Structures are given as structure tokens and as C-alpha cells.
């Protein structure tokens, strides 16, 4: 298992897009436009590889000097529960910490809250959005 910091290398971005397309578009029926519509040149990601195979990813978004947000967390279904997603989150936290970030937010699907709680995140109960499969709740963690 290897977690790499992705900035602009095409092969790395291809891995990010593969994981998100498989996990979110094919796995949950999210449209390509919905999944990738907010992406922009220069976005930063973590990509987790199993050997040479891309299996998990997340996007980093720095909100201000001390606050970061981990977004678009996705892991291939057959790799869930095997710590690949946790590796992506941990690598993102380390990258943020190097920049002086003290608090990290993750908007979690309600079904995934337990995963984030195991990683030290706490629910912000008044911040619920969406509905159905994509009802989400904000979580936070202090570094």
C-alpha cells in the first residue's frame, strides 16, 4: 500500500479519476457531471495504490490558514474495510499538518460516519445536508 500526493501528473490524475468513476459513478450512480463538476486545474489529491493499482483517493481543499477540508473520499468497493481509505485520510492529514492546518472537516455520508469516528472525527450534528443515499453530515477533527 502506497499513498502518494497528487498535484498535476497525468498518470496520477488518471488513477484519481478511475477510482472516483468506479466508486461513485458506477458504484452509487452519481453522474460524471455531479462527481467531477467542481474539480479544477491545480486541485490536490491523495491517491492510494495497491501495487500499481489505484484503489482509494481524496481531494484536499484548504479553507483558510488553519482549516482544511477533505473532499471526494472514494475507495473501490472490493478494497473497503482494508485500511486503504484510512491511508488516504491519514496522508491528507499529514499534508495539511505540514501547512499549519489545525482543524480538518469532512462531509460524510451518514452511512460512513463510523469510519470517520474511528479516525478521530466528531460529528457536527447541526450540519446535515442532502437526502437518501447521499444524506451527509459534517465531521471535524483537531490536529
Foldseek 3Di string as FASTA:
>chain_A
DDKDKDFDDPVQVVLVVVQLCQFPCVVPVDDPCRLCVPDDHGWMKIFFDDVPHTFWMWTWDAPDQAEIEIHSTGGHPVCPPVCRSVVRVVVNVVVSVVSNHFKYKYWAAPVCVVVVVVVPWDWPVVAWDDDDRRTTTMIMHTD
